[in-house]
Amino acid sequence: MMKLILVLASILGLSSVMLGALESHVFGAMLTLKNAQRFGIALHCQQLYSILLVALSLYGLQRNPPKLLHLVCVIFLLGVFIFSGSLYALIFLAKPIFRYGTPCGGALLMLGWILLLLFSMFYKPQNGR
């Protein structure tokens, strides 16, 4: 499971670099100010969570973590896909319905942080550290 999360996090990071380059060199000047702000928020979130997911998955590959860490990673993945994805869809498809995905994705990201907090408070590694 952690290897799959590492692969997905790598794809998330790679696509964030590609989207940043496209925004800078191709369609950045075509975006309205509001959409440029949305794009920046979506891209920043995508980059941040790709790094976090790489770190968590590498940690998980080194240990035999409980299912809670797997759940944290899945929640973060879903959260960033829904949060950033809804903003990208709102920008490029111009359908107002996608606006509702952003708070749902944000709620999942907050839930992921709560679960990570619980994991960090209660997880006891086998080696006692």
Protein backbone atom coordinates (compact mmCIF):
# COMPACT_ATOMS: atom_id res chain seq x y z
CA MET A 1 0.00 0.00 0.00
CA MET A 2 2.77 2.46 0.89
CA LYS A 3 4.53 1.79 -2.41
CA LEU A 4 1.33 2.70 -4.28
CA ILE A 5 1.04 5.88 -2.22
CA LEU A 6 4.66 6.73 -3.07
CA VAL A 7 3.93 6.21 -6.78
CA LEU A 8 0.79 8.38 -6.61
CA ALA A 9 2.62 11.07 -4.61
CA SER A 10 5.38 11.10 -7.23
CA ILE A 11 2.80 11.51 -10.00
CA LEU A 12 1.17 14.29 -7.98
CA GLY A 13 4.53 16.06 -7.62
CA LEU A 14 5.49 15.60 -11.26
CA SER A 15 2.14 16.88 -12.49
CA SER A 16 2.42 19.91 -10.21
CA VAL A 17 5.74 20.87 -11.82
CA MET A 18 4.23 20.36 -15.27
CA LEU A 19 1.14 22.42 -14.41
CA GLY A 20 3.33 25.18 -12.98
CA ALA A 21 5.36 25.30 -16.19
CA LEU A 22 2.23 25.32 -18.33
CA GLU A 23 0.74 28.13 -16.27
CA SER A 24 3.93 30.14 -16.49
CA HIS A 25 4.67 29.63 -20.18
CA VAL A 26 1.38 28.82 -21.91
CA PHE A 27 -1.90 29.87 -20.37
CA GLY A 28 -0.95 32.12 -17.45
CA ALA A 29 -1.65 35.33 -19.34
CA MET A 30 -5.06 34.02 -20.40
CA LEU A 31 -6.30 33.52 -16.83
CA THR A 32 -8.39 36.12 -15.08
CA LEU A 33 -7.00 37.42 -11.80
CA LYS A 34 -9.49 35.29 -9.83
CA ASN A 35 -8.61 32.15 -11.80
CA ALA A 36 -4.88 32.86 -11.49
CA GLN A 37 -5.36 33.03 -7.71
CA ARG A 38 -7.34 29.79 -7.75
CA PHE A 39 -4.66 28.13 -9.84
CA GLY A 40 -1.94 29.27 -7.45
CA ILE A 41 -3.83 27.89 -4.46
CA ALA A 42 -4.50 24.56 -6.19
CA LEU A 43 -0.89 24.23 -7.33
CA HIS A 44 0.55 25.15 -3.92
CA CYS A 45 -1.70 22.61 -2.20
CA GLN A 46 -0.79 19.92 -4.72
CA GLN A 47 2.94 20.55 -4.27
CA LEU A 48 2.74 20.64 -0.48
CA TYR A 49 0.77 17.43 -0.18
CA SER A 50 2.91 15.58 -2.72
CA ILE A 51 5.94 16.24 -0.48
CA LEU A 52 4.02 15.23 2.64
CA LEU A 53 2.81 12.01 1.00
CA VAL A 54 6.32 11.13 -0.19
CA ALA A 55 7.60 11.57 3.37
CA LEU A 56 4.78 9.54 4.94
CA SER A 57 5.06 6.74 2.39
CA LEU A 58 8.85 6.50 2.79
CA TYR A 59 8.34 6.31 6.55
CA GLY A 60 5.74 3.62 6.05
CA LEU A 61 8.03 1.61 3.76
CA GLN A 62 10.71 1.52 6.49
CA ARG A 63 8.36 0.24 9.18
CA ASN A 64 5.29 -1.87 9.51
CA PRO A 65 2.87 0.96 10.28
CA PRO A 66 -0.66 0.43 11.54
CA LYS A 67 -3.60 0.84 9.21
CA LEU A 68 -4.18 4.32 10.59
CA LEU A 69 -1.14 5.65 8.72
CA HIS A 70 -2.43 4.07 5.52
CA LEU A 71 -5.79 5.74 6.15
CA VAL A 72 -4.07 9.10 6.74
CA CYS A 73 -2.33 8.82 3.37
CA VAL A 74 -5.50 7.82 1.54
CA ILE A 75 -7.43 10.70 3.13
CA PHE A 76 -4.68 13.16 2.14
CA LEU A 77 -4.65 11.79 -1.42
CA LEU A 78 -8.42 12.08 -1.76
CA GLY A 79 -8.37 15.52 -0.17
CA VAL A 80 -5.75 16.96 -2.49
CA PHE A 81 -7.31 15.38 -5.58
CA ILE A 82 -10.73 16.80 -4.71
CA PHE A 83 -9.47 20.18 -3.44
CA SER A 84 -7.00 20.97 -6.21
CA GLY A 85 -8.94 19.06 -8.85
CA SER A 86 -12.12 21.01 -8.19
CA LEU A 87 -10.21 24.30 -8.50
CA TYR A 88 -8.59 23.20 -11.77
CA ALA A 89 -11.99 22.06 -13.07
CA LEU A 90 -13.59 25.34 -12.03
CA ILE A 91 -10.89 27.26 -13.91
CA PHE A 92 -10.75 25.23 -17.12
CA LEU A 93 -14.28 23.88 -17.44
CA ALA A 94 -16.01 26.99 -16.04
CA LYS A 95 -18.78 24.97 -14.42
CA PRO A 96 -19.86 26.47 -11.08
CA ILE A 97 -20.78 23.02 -9.73
CA PHE A 98 -17.08 22.28 -9.19
CA ARG A 99 -17.02 25.01 -6.55
CA TYR A 100 -18.58 22.55 -4.10
CA GLY A 101 -15.66 20.15 -4.35
CA THR A 102 -13.20 22.60 -2.82
CA PRO A 103 -14.66 22.64 0.71
CA CYS A 104 -15.13 18.86 0.59
CA GLY A 105 -11.48 18.42 -0.32
CA GLY A 106 -10.48 20.89 2.38
CA ALA A 107 -12.52 18.98 4.96
CA LEU A 108 -10.74 15.76 3.97
CA LEU A 109 -7.37 17.48 4.34
CA MET A 110 -8.32 18.65 7.83
CA LEU A 111 -9.49 15.13 8.70
CA GLY A 112 -6.15 13.81 7.48
CA TRP A 113 -4.31 16.16 9.84
CA ILE A 114 -6.52 15.10 12.76
CA LEU A 115 -5.81 11.43 12.00
CA LEU A 116 -2.09 12.15 11.67
CA LEU A 117 -2.20 13.88 15.05
CA LEU A 118 -3.86 10.81 16.58
CA PHE A 119 -1.30 8.56 14.91
CA SER A 120 1.58 10.63 16.28
CA MET A 121 0.11 10.64 19.78
CA PHE A 122 -0.70 6.94 20.09
CA TYR A 123 1.60 5.00 17.75
CA LYS A 124 4.34 3.11 19.53
CA PRO A 125 6.98 1.65 17.21
CA GLN A 126 8.14 -1.88 17.93
CA ASN A 127 11.71 -0.74 18.65
CA GLY A 128 10.47 1.52 21.47
CA ARG A 129 11.59 4.88 20.05
